Amino acid sequence: MAATMKGPVAVEDVNVTFEDQQKINKFARNTSRMTELKNEIEAKKKKSLQNLQDASDDLMMFDDDSLLIPYQIGDVFISHTQEETQEMLEAAKEKLEQEVKGLEERVSAIQQVLGDLKVQLYAKFGNNINLEADES
């Protein structure tokens, strides 16, 4: 006999109820949503916050306080003093940081839901279900 068995490998025949399927679907939707939110957080932190910080740093290098600096609001550029522009950049950074904080709170809430669902699903299905994210 060439094949060797490593202990009992029999797969239990577990009946999947409608409620179980709903939990599995909810788990999949929440996992997908959490991935989207994490990507959005990463984009806001890396790109948008960094751009605002760079603009703020560049603005501090100007010597001439009487210089008017164009600031984009929507599709229009409006000229402001250096101080006004600096204040607008700080306000934009604070707003973005609040958005990121809100997204992180949503991710945390989703992680709590996923944790609860994992407990319930593993309790019923054991090793017959894989709820771990692929690291590929």
Foldseek 3Di string as FASTA:
>chain_A
DPDDDDPDPDADDADQDPVNVVLVVLLVVLVVVLVVLVVVLCCLVPPVLVVLVVVLVVLVPDDDQVDWDWDDDPNDTDTDTSVVVNVVSVVVNVVSVVVSVVSVVVSVVSVVSNVVSCVVNCVRRPPVDDSDDDPD
